[in-house]
């Protein structure tokens, strides 16, 4: 990741295990956000994009608590 960040690319939080935030418990969502944020924080990561674009209010809140904003897209995609 250091090489990617040094190349000027943004590093973001996408969950640690690439799980759908709407399919897991609050505790699991919190764990996914924290684990990933701990890994990417040294590279200035402050953006979270939920896998498949799916999230609940509680995942938005958890995202804010780990210091991230939520990013998304305007077109339908399948990731």
PDB file of N, CA and C in Angstrom:
ATOM      1  N   UNK A   1       0.812  -1.186   0.000  1.00  0.00           N
ATOM      2  CA  UNK A   1       0.000   0.000   0.000  1.00  0.00           C
ATOM      3  C   UNK A   1       0.856   1.250   0.000  1.00  0.00           C
ATOM      4  N   UNK A   2       2.012   1.179   0.646  1.00  0.00           N
ATOM      5  CA  UNK A   2       2.880   2.356   0.699  1.00  0.00           C
ATOM      6  C   UNK A   2       3.271   2.812  -0.704  1.00  0.00           C
ATOM      7  N   UNK A   3       3.566   1.877  -1.570  1.00  0.00           N
ATOM      8  CA  UNK A   3       3.959   2.224  -2.941  1.00  0.00           C
ATOM      9  C   UNK A   3       2.783   2.845  -3.706  1.00  0.00           C
ATOM     10  N   UNK A   4       1.602   2.322  -3.482  1.00  0.00           N
ATOM     11  CA  UNK A   4       0.411   2.869  -4.139  1.00  0.00           C
ATOM     12  C   UNK A   4       0.157   4.292  -3.662  1.00  0.00           C
ATOM     13  N   UNK A   5       0.198   4.495  -2.348  1.00  0.00           N
ATOM     14  CA  UNK A   5      -0.012   5.831  -1.786  1.00  0.00           C
ATOM     15  C   UNK A   5       1.068   6.800  -2.260  1.00  0.00           C
ATOM     16  N   UNK A   6       2.315   6.332  -2.321  1.00  0.00           N
ATOM     17  CA  UNK A   6       3.417   7.187  -2.784  1.00  0.00           C
ATOM     18  C   UNK A   6       3.231   7.585  -4.247  1.00  0.00           C
ATOM     19  N   UNK A   7       2.518   6.760  -5.004  1.00  0.00           N
ATOM     20  CA  UNK A   7       2.240   7.073  -6.400  1.00  0.00           C
ATOM     21  C   UNK A   7       1.114   8.073  -6.575  1.00  0.00           C
ATOM     22  N   UNK A   8       0.542   8.543  -5.457  1.00  0.00           N
ATOM     23  CA  UNK A   8      -0.494   9.556  -5.519  1.00  0.00           C
ATOM     24  C   UNK A   8      -1.916   9.007  -5.580  1.00  0.00           C
ATOM     25  N   UNK A   9      -2.066   7.707  -5.425  1.00  0.00           N
ATOM     26  CA  UNK A   9      -3.391   7.100  -5.471  1.00  0.00           C
ATOM     27  C   UNK A   9      -4.044   7.139  -4.098  1.00  0.00           C
ATOM     28  N   UNK A  10      -5.359   7.278  -4.082  1.00  0.00           N
ATOM     29  CA  UNK A  10      -6.107   7.278  -2.823  1.00  0.00           C
ATOM     30  C   UNK A  10      -6.268   5.849  -2.324  1.00  0.00           C
ATOM     31  N   UNK A  11      -6.110   5.686  -1.041  1.00  0.00           N
ATOM     32  CA  UNK A  11      -6.344   4.406  -0.378  1.00  0.00           C
ATOM     33  C   UNK A  11      -7.601   4.580   0.456  1.00  0.00           C
ATOM     34  N   UNK A  12      -8.517   3.639   0.358  1.00  0.00           N
ATOM     35  CA  UNK A  12      -9.764   3.765   1.106  1.00  0.00           C
ATOM     36  C   UNK A  12     -10.136   2.488   1.825  1.00  0.00           C
ATOM     37  N   UNK A  13     -11.172   2.593   2.618  1.00  0.00           N
ATOM     38  CA  UNK A  13     -11.705   1.482   3.392  1.00  0.00           C
ATOM     39  C   UNK A  13     -12.814   0.831   2.572  1.00  0.00           C
ATOM     40  N   UNK A  14     -12.738  -0.480   2.393  1.00  0.00           N
ATOM     41  CA  UNK A  14     -13.724  -1.231   1.607  1.00  0.00           C
ATOM     42  C   UNK A  14     -14.201  -2.452   2.379  1.00  0.00           C
ATOM     43  N   UNK A  15     -13.946  -2.501   3.660  1.00  0.00           N
ATOM     44  CA  UNK A  15     -14.146  -3.597   4.602  1.00  0.00           C
ATOM     45  C   UNK A  15     -12.983  -4.578   4.499  1.00  0.00           C
ATOM     46  N   UNK A  16     -12.721  -5.246   5.576  1.00  0.00           N
ATOM     47  CA  UNK A  16     -11.570  -6.141   5.650  1.00  0.00           C
ATOM     48  C   UNK A  16     -11.797  -7.434   4.879  1.00  0.00           C
ATOM     49  N   UNK A  17     -13.017  -7.953   4.949  1.00  0.00           N
ATOM     50  CA  UNK A  17     -13.329  -9.228   4.294  1.00  0.00           C
ATOM     51  C   UNK A  17     -14.288  -9.077   3.119  1.00  0.00           C
ATOM     52  N   UNK A  18     -14.495  -7.871   2.652  1.00  0.00           N
ATOM     53  CA  UNK A  18     -15.404  -7.554   1.551  1.00  0.00           C
ATOM     54  C   UNK A  18     -16.790  -8.161   1.757  1.00  0.00           C
ATOM     55  N   UNK A  19     -17.413  -7.745   2.825  1.00  0.00           N
ATOM     56  CA  UNK A  19     -18.743  -8.238   3.175  1.00  0.00           C
ATOM     57  C   UNK A  19     -19.801  -7.182   2.890  1.00  0.00           C
ATOM     58  N   UNK A  20     -20.998  -7.624   2.607  1.00  0.00           N
ATOM     59  CA  UNK A  20     -22.117  -6.690   2.441  1.00  0.00           C
ATOM     60  C   UNK A  20     -22.526  -6.192   3.820  1.00  0.00           C
ATOM     61  N   UNK A  21     -22.506  -4.907   4.008  1.00  0.00           N
ATOM     62  CA  UNK A  21     -22.794  -4.322   5.308  1.00  0.00           C
ATOM     63  C   UNK A  21     -24.230  -4.584   5.748  1.00  0.00           C
ATOM     64  N   UNK A  22     -25.140  -4.811   4.822  1.00  0.00           N
ATOM     65  CA  UNK A  22     -26.537  -5.060   5.165  1.00  0.00           C
ATOM     66  C   UNK A  22     -26.796  -6.507   5.561  1.00  0.00           C
ATOM     67  N   UNK A  23     -25.801  -7.368   5.435  1.00  0.00           N
ATOM     68  CA  UNK A  23     -25.976  -8.795   5.719  1.00  0.00           C
ATOM     69  C   UNK A  23     -25.297  -9.249   7.012  1.00  0.00           C
ATOM     70  N   UNK A  24     -24.681  -8.317   7.725  1.00  0.00           N
ATOM     71  CA  UNK A  24     -23.962  -8.686   8.947  1.00  0.00           C
ATOM     72  C   UNK A  24     -24.469  -7.852  10.128  1.00  0.00           C
ATOM     73  N   UNK A  25     -24.148  -8.297  11.320  1.00  0.00           N
ATOM     74  CA  UNK A  25     -24.605  -7.604  12.531  1.00  0.00           C
ATOM     75  C   UNK A  25     -23.848  -6.290  12.731  1.00  0.00           C
ATOM     76  N   UNK A  26     -24.374  -5.459  13.629  1.00  0.00           N
ATOM     77  CA  UNK A  26     -23.704  -4.199  13.962  1.00  0.00           C
ATOM     78  C   UNK A  26     -22.280  -4.460  14.446  1.00  0.00           C
ATOM     79  N   UNK A  27     -22.118  -5.452  15.320  1.00  0.00           N
ATOM     80  CA  UNK A  27     -20.787  -5.761  15.854  1.00  0.00           C
ATOM     81  C   UNK A  27     -19.835  -6.176  14.731  1.00  0.00           C
ATOM     82  N   UNK A  28     -20.310  -6.950  13.785  1.00  0.00           N
ATOM     83  CA  UNK A  28     -19.462  -7.357  12.656  1.00  0.00           C
ATOM     84  C   UNK A  28     -19.126  -6.166  11.765  1.00  0.00           C
ATOM     85  N   UNK A  29     -20.116  -5.280  11.533  1.00  0.00           N
ATOM     86  CA  UNK A  29     -19.845  -4.078  10.717  1.00  0.00           C
ATOM     87  C   UNK A  29     -18.771  -3.240  11.385  1.00  0.00           C
ATOM     88  N   UNK A  30     -18.894  -3.039  12.695  1.00  0.00           N
ATOM     89  CA  UNK A  30     -17.923  -2.235  13.441  1.00  0.00           C
ATOM     90  C   UNK A  30     -16.533  -2.857  13.334  1.00  0.00           C
ATOM     91  N   UNK A  31     -16.457  -4.187  13.475  1.00  0.00           N
ATOM     92  CA  UNK A  31     -15.170  -4.880  13.391  1.00  0.00           C
ATOM     93  C   UNK A  31     -14.555  -4.721  12.005  1.00  0.00           C
ATOM     94  N   UNK A  32     -15.341  -4.877  10.949  1.00  0.00           N
ATOM     95  CA  UNK A  32     -14.851  -4.722   9.580  1.00  0.00           C
ATOM     96  C   UNK A  32     -14.289  -3.321   9.353  1.00  0.00           C
ATOM     97  N   UNK A  33     -15.024  -2.320   9.810  1.00  0.00           N
ATOM     98  CA  UNK A  33     -14.565  -0.939   9.637  1.00  0.00           C
ATOM     99  C   UNK A  33     -13.279  -0.675  10.406  1.00  0.00           C
ATOM    100  N   UNK A  34     -13.223  -1.120  11.669  1.00  0.00           N
ATOM    101  CA  UNK A  34     -12.031  -0.879  12.499  1.00  0.00           C
ATOM    102  C   UNK A  34     -10.804  -1.601  11.961  1.00  0.00           C
ATOM    103  N   UNK A  35     -10.954  -2.884  11.615  1.00  0.00           N
ATOM    104  CA  UNK A  35      -9.806  -3.648  11.106  1.00  0.00           C
ATOM    105  C   UNK A  35      -9.205  -3.000   9.862  1.00  0.00           C
ATOM    106  N   UNK A  36     -10.076  -2.646   8.957  1.00  0.00           N
ATOM    107  CA  UNK A  36      -9.575  -2.047   7.716  1.00  0.00           C
ATOM    108  C   UNK A  36      -8.993  -0.674   7.963  1.00  0.00           C
ATOM    109  N   UNK A  37      -9.658   0.121   8.790  1.00  0.00           N
ATOM    110  CA  UNK A  37      -9.151   1.469   9.039  1.00  0.00           C
ATOM    111  C   UNK A  37      -7.786   1.431   9.711  1.00  0.00           C
ATOM    112  N   UNK A  38      -7.571   0.468  10.592  1.00  0.00           N
ATOM    113  CA  UNK A  38      -6.256   0.326  11.217  1.00  0.00           C
ATOM    114  C   UNK A  38      -5.187   0.022  10.165  1.00  0.00           C
ATOM    115  N   UNK A  39      -5.547  -0.747   9.159  1.00  0.00           N
ATOM    116  CA  UNK A  39      -4.583  -1.114   8.119  1.00  0.00           C
ATOM    117  C   UNK A  39      -4.301   0.039   7.148  1.00  0.00           C
ATOM    118  N   UNK A  40      -5.320   0.840   6.852  1.00  0.00           N
ATOM    119  CA  UNK A  40      -5.143   1.871   5.825  1.00  0.00           C
ATOM    120  C   UNK A  40      -4.894   3.264   6.381  1.00  0.00           C
ATOM    121  N   UNK A  41      -5.121   3.479   7.669  1.00  0.00           N
ATOM    122  CA  UNK A  41      -4.950   4.809   8.268  1.00  0.00           C
ATOM    123  C   UNK A  41      -3.558   5.409   8.063  1.00  0.00           C
ATOM    124  N   UNK A  42      -2.485   4.618   8.128  1.00  0.00           N
ATOM    125  CA  UNK A  42      -1.169   5.225   7.922  1.00  0.00           C
ATOM    126  C   UNK A  42      -0.987   5.871   6.540  1.00  0.00           C
ATOM    127  N   UNK A  43      -1.887   5.572   5.629  1.00  0.00           N
ATOM    128  CA  UNK A  43      -1.780   6.113   4.264  1.00  0.00           C
ATOM    129  C   UNK A  43      -2.782   7.226   4.023  1.00  0.00           C
ATOM    130  N   UNK A  44      -3.331   7.772   5.097  1.00  0.00           N
ATOM    131  CA  UNK A  44      -4.232   8.913   4.993  1.00  0.00           C
ATOM    132  C   UNK A  44      -5.633   8.569   4.520  1.00  0.00           C
ATOM    133  N   UNK A  45      -6.023   7.320   4.627  1.00  0.00           N
ATOM    134  CA  UNK A  45      -7.335   6.905   4.141  1.00  0.00           C
ATOM    135  C   UNK A  45      -8.453   7.509   4.975  1.00  0.00           C
ATOM    136  N   UNK A  46      -9.387   8.166   4.311  1.00  0.00           N
ATOM    137  CA  UNK A  46     -10.530   8.728   5.025  1.00  0.00           C
ATOM    138  C   UNK A  46     -11.818   8.544   4.228  1.00  0.00           C
ATOM    139  N   UNK A  47     -11.820   7.589   3.310  1.00  0.00           N
ATOM    140  CA  UNK A  47     -12.995   7.337   2.481  1.00  0.00           C
ATOM    141  C   UNK A  47     -13.396   5.875   2.609  1.00  0.00           C
ATOM    142  N   UNK A  48     -14.680   5.637   2.752  1.00  0.00           N
ATOM    143  CA  UNK A  48     -15.218   4.279   2.795  1.00  0.00           C
ATOM    144  C   UNK A  48     -16.197   4.114   1.647  1.00  0.00           C
ATOM    145  N   UNK A  49     -16.024   3.055   0.876  1.00  0.00           N
ATOM    146  CA  UNK A  49     -16.996   2.707  -0.153  1.00  0.00           C
ATOM    147  C   UNK A  49     -17.531   1.330   0.184  1.00  0.00           C
ATOM    148  N   UNK A  50     -18.815   1.241   0.535  1.00  0.00           N
ATOM    149  CA  UNK A  50     -19.361  -0.055   0.927  1.00  0.00           C
ATOM    150  C   UNK A  50     -19.418  -1.025  -0.248  1.00  0.00           C
ATOM    151  N   UNK A  51     -19.022  -2.282  -0.019  1.00  0.00           N
ATOM    152  CA  UNK A  51     -19.138  -3.280  -1.084  1.00  0.00           C
ATOM    153  C   UNK A  51     -20.584  -3.344  -1.589  1.00  0.00           C
ATOM    154  N   UNK A  52     -20.736  -3.363  -2.886  1.00  0.00           N
ATOM    155  CA  UNK A  52     -22.039  -3.385  -3.552  1.00  0.00           C
ATOM    156  C   UNK A  52     -22.871  -2.135  -3.284  1.00  0.00           C
ATOM    157  N   UNK A  53     -22.286  -1.148  -2.629  1.00  0.00           N
ATOM    158  CA  UNK A  53     -23.009   0.091  -2.345  1.00  0.00           C
ATOM    159  C   UNK A  53     -24.063  -0.037  -1.263  1.00  0.00           C
ATOM    160  N   UNK A  54     -24.093  -1.182  -0.593  1.00  0.00           N
ATOM    161  CA  UNK A  54     -25.152  -1.410   0.393  1.00  0.00           C
ATOM    162  C   UNK A  54     -24.665  -1.097   1.801  1.00  0.00           C
ATOM    163  N   UNK A  55     -25.461  -0.316   2.516  1.00  0.00           N
ATOM    164  CA  UNK A  55     -25.133  -0.017   3.911  1.00  0.00           C
ATOM    165  C   UNK A  55     -26.384   0.475   4.611  1.00  0.00           C
ATOM    166  N   UNK A  56     -26.356   0.423   5.933  1.00  0.00           N
ATOM    167  CA  UNK A  56     -27.442   0.908   6.780  1.00  0.00           C
ATOM    168  C   UNK A  56     -26.997   2.188   7.466  1.00  0.00           C
ATOM    169  N   UNK A  57     -27.925   2.815   8.152  1.00  0.00           N
ATOM    170  CA  UNK A  57     -27.566   4.001   8.929  1.00  0.00           C
ATOM    171  C   UNK A  57     -26.463   3.669   9.933  1.00  0.00           C
ATOM    172  N   UNK A  58     -26.551   2.490  10.559  1.00  0.00           N
ATOM    173  CA  UNK A  58     -25.540   2.129  11.565  1.00  0.00           C
ATOM    174  C   UNK A  58     -24.164   1.961  10.945  1.00  0.00           C
ATOM    175  N   UNK A  59     -24.084   1.515   9.673  1.00  0.00           N
ATOM    176  CA  UNK A  59     -22.758   1.432   9.056  1.00  0.00           C
ATOM    177  C   UNK A  59     -22.264   2.828   8.691  1.00  0.00           C
ATOM    178  N   UNK A  60     -23.199   3.734   8.350  1.00  0.00           N
ATOM    179  CA  UNK A  60     -22.800   5.121   8.105  1.00  0.00           C
ATOM    180  C   UNK A  60     -22.247   5.721   9.399  1.00  0.00           C
ATOM    181  N   UNK A  61     -22.938   5.463  10.512  1.00  0.00           N
ATOM    182  CA  UNK A  61     -22.483   5.978  11.798  1.00  0.00           C
ATOM    183  C   UNK A  61     -21.114   5.397  12.160  1.00  0.00           C
ATOM    184  N   UNK A  62     -20.946   4.091  12.005  1.00  0.00           N
ATOM    185  CA  UNK A  62     -19.658   3.459  12.289  1.00  0.00           C
ATOM    186  C   UNK A  62     -18.557   4.027  11.417  1.00  0.00           C
ATOM    187  N   UNK A  63     -18.897   4.282  10.161  1.00  0.00           N
ATOM    188  CA  UNK A  63     -17.929   4.871   9.224  1.00  0.00           C
ATOM    189  C   UNK A  63     -17.458   6.228   9.724  1.00  0.00           C
ATOM    190  N   UNK A  64     -18.387   7.042  10.186  1.00  0.00           N
ATOM    191  CA  UNK A  64     -18.030   8.362  10.726  1.00  0.00           C
ATOM    192  C   UNK A  64     -17.190   8.230  11.995  1.00  0.00           C
ATOM    193  N   UNK A  65     -17.509   7.223  12.824  1.00  0.00           N
ATOM    194  CA  UNK A  65     -16.767   7.045  14.078  1.00  0.00           C
ATOM    195  C   UNK A  65     -15.319   6.625  13.852  1.00  0.00           C
ATOM    196  N   UNK A  66     -15.022   5.944  12.749  1.00  0.00           N
ATOM    197  CA  UNK A  66     -13.624   5.598  12.460  1.00  0.00           C
ATOM    198  C   UNK A  66     -12.938   6.692  11.640  1.00  0.00           C
ATOM    199  N   UNK A  67     -13.654   7.795  11.357  1.00  0.00           N
ATOM    200  CA  UNK A  67     -13.049   8.943  10.699  1.00  0.00           C
ATOM    201  C   UNK A  67     -13.140   8.960   9.191  1.00  0.00           C
ATOM    202  N   UNK A  68     -14.124   8.268   8.634  1.00  0.00           N
ATOM    203  CA  UNK A  68     -14.263   8.213   7.176  1.00  0.00           C
ATOM    204  C   UNK A  68     -15.555   8.863   6.697  1.00  0.00           C
ATOM    205  N   UNK A  69     -15.540   9.298   5.459  1.00  0.00           N
ATOM    206  CA  UNK A  69     -16.739   9.698   4.736  1.00  0.00           C
ATOM    207  C   UNK A  69     -17.112   8.545   3.815  1.00  0.00           C
ATOM    208  N   UNK A  70     -18.390   8.435   3.476  1.00  0.00           N
ATOM    209  CA  UNK A  70     -18.822   7.383   2.559  1.00  0.00           C
ATOM    210  C   UNK A  70     -18.779   7.915   1.136  1.00  0.00           C
ATOM    211  N   UNK A  71     -18.185   7.140   0.265  1.00  0.00           N
ATOM    212  CA  UNK A  71     -18.158   7.447  -1.158  1.00  0.00           C
ATOM    213  C   UNK A  71     -18.984   6.411  -1.889  1.00  0.00           C
ATOM    214  N   UNK A  72     -19.479   6.769  -3.019  1.00  0.00           N
ATOM    215  CA  UNK A  72     -20.284   5.839  -3.809  1.00  0.00           C
ATOM    216  C   UNK A  72     -20.084   6.093  -5.283  1.00  0.00           C
ATOM    217  N   UNK A  73     -21.082   5.802  -6.039  1.00  0.00           N
ATOM    218  CA  UNK A  73     -21.018   6.000  -7.479  1.00  0.00           C
ATOM    219  C   UNK A  73     -22.398   6.380  -7.960  1.00  0.00           C
ATOM    220  N   UNK A  74     -22.485   6.850  -9.173  1.00  0.00           N
ATOM    221  CA  UNK A  74     -23.766   7.281  -9.730  1.00  0.00           C
ATOM    222  C   UNK A  74     -24.263   6.343 -10.819  1.00  0.00           C
ATOM    223  N   UNK A  75     -23.531   5.326 -11.138  1.00  0.00           N
ATOM    224  CA  UNK A  75     -23.952   4.363 -12.157  1.00  0.00           C
ATOM    225  C   UNK A  75     -24.125   2.991 -11.497  1.00  0.00           C
ATOM    226  N   UNK A  76     -24.967   2.157 -12.088  1.00  0.00           N
ATOM    227  CA  UNK A  76     -25.161   0.807 -11.574  1.00  0.00           C
ATOM    228  C   UNK A  76     -23.953  -0.034 -11.955  1.00  0.00           C
ATOM    229  N   UNK A  77     -23.353  -0.670 -10.956  1.00  0.00           N
ATOM    230  CA  UNK A  77     -22.215  -1.542 -11.232  1.00  0.00           C
ATOM    231  C   UNK A  77     -22.382  -2.839 -10.474  1.00  0.00           C
ATOM    232  N   UNK A  78     -21.640  -3.807 -10.831  1.00  0.00           N
ATOM    233  CA  UNK A  78     -21.618  -5.082 -10.128  1.00  0.00           C
ATOM    234  C   UNK A  78     -20.187  -5.316  -9.694  1.00  0.00           C
ATOM    235  N   UNK A  79     -19.898  -5.167  -8.422  1.00  0.00           N
ATOM    236  CA  UNK A  79     -18.533  -5.407  -7.962  1.00  0.00           C
ATOM    237  C   UNK A  79     -18.511  -6.572  -7.099  1.00  0.00           C
TER     238      UNK A  79
END
